[in-house]
Amino acid sequence: MFWEAIGSLVLGLGVAFAATRWRPSRFPDQALALVTGPAAALLGGVIARAVLGQGHAAATLTVALGVSVALVSLLFRAPAPAPRVTRGLG
C-alpha cells in the first residue's frame, strides 16, 4: 500500500508538472494544478485499492493516473475568443 501511494503521488505530480509546462498560459493558478495532480492521484489510488484489493498495483496506478488527468484537465482554461469585427450600417 505504501509504494502504491508513493507511486500515485509521483504520477500525479508528473501529470500536473507536464500540464503546467506544456500550456502554462492556460493555467491561471499553476500552484493549484501542482497540488491537485498528486491529491487527485492519491484519492484515485486509494479508491482503486479499496475496490480492487491487494495484488492489482498496475490497475491501481492506472486508475490513479486517470483520476489525476481528469481533475487537472478541469483546471485547464479555454483560450479567449478572437475579437469580432463589426461594420457599421452606414
C-alpha atoms as a PDB file:
ATOM      1  CA  MET A   1       0.000   0.000   0.000  1.00  0.00           C
ATOM      2  CA  PHE A   2       2.812   2.402   0.858  1.00  0.00           C
ATOM      3  CA  TRP A   3       4.542   2.037  -2.507  1.00  0.00           C
ATOM      4  CA  GLU A   4       1.269   2.355  -4.393  1.00  0.00           C
ATOM      5  CA  ALA A   5       0.571   5.612  -2.557  1.00  0.00           C
ATOM      6  CA  ILE A   6       4.051   6.944  -3.324  1.00  0.00           C
ATOM      7  CA  GLY A   7       3.679   5.851  -6.947  1.00  0.00           C
ATOM      8  CA  SER A   8       0.310   7.577  -7.186  1.00  0.00           C
ATOM      9  CA  LEU A   9       1.725  10.805  -5.783  1.00  0.00           C
ATOM     10  CA  VAL A  10       4.649  10.727  -8.216  1.00  0.00           C
ATOM     11  CA  LEU A  11       2.333  10.056 -11.170  1.00  0.00           C
ATOM     12  CA  GLY A  12       0.018  12.878 -10.144  1.00  0.00           C
ATOM     13  CA  LEU A  13       2.892  15.298  -9.710  1.00  0.00           C
ATOM     14  CA  GLY A  14       4.228  14.280 -13.115  1.00  0.00           C
ATOM     15  CA  VAL A  15       0.853  14.890 -14.749  1.00  0.00           C
ATOM     16  CA  ALA A  16       0.480  18.303 -13.107  1.00  0.00           C
ATOM     17  CA  PHE A  17       4.057  19.344 -13.875  1.00  0.00           C
ATOM     18  CA  ALA A  18       3.786  18.267 -17.505  1.00  0.00           C
ATOM     19  CA  ALA A  19       0.450  20.047 -17.948  1.00  0.00           C
ATOM     20  CA  THR A  20       1.661  23.318 -16.450  1.00  0.00           C
ATOM     21  CA  ARG A  21       4.864  23.232 -18.515  1.00  0.00           C
ATOM     22  CA  TRP A  22       3.103  22.257 -21.739  1.00  0.00           C
ATOM     23  CA  ARG A  23       0.490  25.029 -21.600  1.00  0.00           C
ATOM     24  CA  PRO A  24       1.473  27.493 -18.849  1.00  0.00           C
ATOM     25  CA  SER A  25      -0.794  30.261 -20.135  1.00  0.00           C
ATOM     26  CA  ARG A  26      -3.876  28.053 -19.829  1.00  0.00           C
ATOM     27  CA  PHE A  27      -3.495  27.500 -16.085  1.00  0.00           C
ATOM     28  CA  PRO A  28      -4.356  30.701 -14.192  1.00  0.00           C
ATOM     29  CA  ASP A  29      -3.018  29.302 -10.912  1.00  0.00           C
ATOM     30  CA  GLN A  30      -0.196  26.839 -11.502  1.00  0.00           C
ATOM     31  CA  ALA A  31       0.229  26.124  -7.795  1.00  0.00           C
ATOM     32  CA  LEU A  32      -3.349  24.856  -7.671  1.00  0.00           C
ATOM     33  CA  ALA A  33      -2.658  22.494 -10.556  1.00  0.00           C
ATOM     34  CA  LEU A  34       0.545  21.244  -8.905  1.00  0.00           C
ATOM     35  CA  VAL A  35      -1.403  20.426  -5.741  1.00  0.00           C
ATOM     36  CA  THR A  36      -4.457  18.999  -7.490  1.00  0.00           C
ATOM     37  CA  GLY A  37      -2.479  16.443  -9.517  1.00  0.00           C
ATOM     38  CA  PRO A  38      -0.951  14.482  -6.618  1.00  0.00           C
ATOM     39  CA  ALA A  39      -4.036  14.849  -4.427  1.00  0.00           C
ATOM     40  CA  ALA A  40      -6.304  13.512  -7.168  1.00  0.00           C
ATOM     41  CA  ALA A  41      -3.925  10.661  -7.940  1.00  0.00           C
ATOM     42  CA  LEU A  42      -3.736   9.691  -4.281  1.00  0.00           C
ATOM     43  CA  LEU A  43      -7.525   9.771  -3.985  1.00  0.00           C
ATOM     44  CA  GLY A  44      -7.904   7.695  -7.148  1.00  0.00           C
ATOM     45  CA  GLY A  45      -5.293   5.214  -5.924  1.00  0.00           C
ATOM     46  CA  VAL A  46      -6.985   4.792  -2.550  1.00  0.00           C
ATOM     47  CA  ILE A  47     -10.399   4.266  -4.152  1.00  0.00           C
ATOM     48  CA  ALA A  48      -8.975   1.792  -6.671  1.00  0.00           C
ATOM     49  CA  ARG A  49      -7.174  -0.086  -3.903  1.00  0.00           C
ATOM     50  CA  ALA A  50     -10.388  -0.305  -1.888  1.00  0.00           C
ATOM     51  CA  VAL A  51     -12.353  -1.599  -4.868  1.00  0.00           C
ATOM     52  CA  LEU A  52      -9.761  -3.942  -6.399  1.00  0.00           C
ATOM     53  CA  GLY A  53      -7.944  -5.130  -3.293  1.00  0.00           C
ATOM     54  CA  GLN A  54      -4.362  -6.319  -2.996  1.00  0.00           C
ATOM     55  CA  GLY A  55      -2.285  -7.562  -5.891  1.00  0.00           C
ATOM     56  CA  HIS A  56      -3.501  -5.128  -8.525  1.00  0.00           C
ATOM     57  CA  ALA A  57      -0.766  -2.491  -8.405  1.00  0.00           C
ATOM     58  CA  ALA A  58      -0.761  -1.793 -12.147  1.00  0.00           C
ATOM     59  CA  ALA A  59      -4.523  -1.309 -12.265  1.00  0.00           C
ATOM     60  CA  THR A  60      -4.425   0.867  -9.140  1.00  0.00           C
ATOM     61  CA  LEU A  61      -1.773   3.133 -10.633  1.00  0.00           C
ATOM     62  CA  THR A  62      -3.677   3.297 -13.925  1.00  0.00           C
ATOM     63  CA  VAL A  63      -6.819   4.458 -12.125  1.00  0.00           C
ATOM     64  CA  ALA A  64      -4.757   6.969 -10.127  1.00  0.00           C
ATOM     65  CA  LEU A  65      -3.301   8.321 -13.354  1.00  0.00           C
ATOM     66  CA  GLY A  66      -6.739   8.629 -14.940  1.00  0.00           C
ATOM     67  CA  VAL A  67      -8.243  10.467 -11.980  1.00  0.00           C
ATOM     68  CA  SER A  68      -5.274  12.826 -11.871  1.00  0.00           C
ATOM     69  CA  VAL A  69      -5.532  13.633 -15.581  1.00  0.00           C
ATOM     70  CA  ALA A  70      -9.283  14.157 -15.298  1.00  0.00           C
ATOM     71  CA  LEU A  71      -9.102  16.571 -12.370  1.00  0.00           C
ATOM     72  CA  VAL A  72      -6.125  18.537 -13.683  1.00  0.00           C
ATOM     73  CA  SER A  73      -7.919  18.911 -17.017  1.00  0.00           C
ATOM     74  CA  LEU A  74     -10.812  20.605 -15.186  1.00  0.00           C
ATOM     75  CA  LEU A  75      -8.416  23.426 -14.280  1.00  0.00           C
ATOM     76  CA  PHE A  76      -7.467  23.949 -17.929  1.00  0.00           C
ATOM     77  CA  ARG A  77      -8.807  27.302 -19.160  1.00  0.00           C
ATOM     78  CA  ALA A  78     -10.019  27.680 -22.745  1.00  0.00           C
ATOM     79  CA  PRO A  79      -8.361  30.385 -24.834  1.00  0.00           C
ATOM     80  CA  ALA A  80     -10.076  33.741 -25.102  1.00  0.00           C
ATOM     81  CA  PRO A  81     -12.226  34.068 -28.215  1.00  0.00           C
ATOM     82  CA  ALA A  82     -10.915  36.213 -31.024  1.00  0.00           C
ATOM     83  CA  PRO A  83     -12.409  39.701 -31.158  1.00  0.00           C
ATOM     84  CA  ARG A  84     -15.230  40.105 -33.640  1.00  0.00           C
ATOM     85  CA  VAL A  85     -15.064  42.779 -36.263  1.00  0.00           C
ATOM     86  CA  THR A  86     -18.347  44.591 -36.737  1.00  0.00           C
ATOM     87  CA  ARG A  87     -19.101  47.006 -39.508  1.00  0.00           C
ATOM     88  CA  GLY A  88     -21.405  49.959 -39.286  1.00  0.00           C
ATOM     89  CA  LEU A  89     -24.530  50.237 -41.375  1.00  0.00           C
ATOM     90  CA  GLY A  90     -23.667  53.474 -42.981  1.00  0.00           C
END
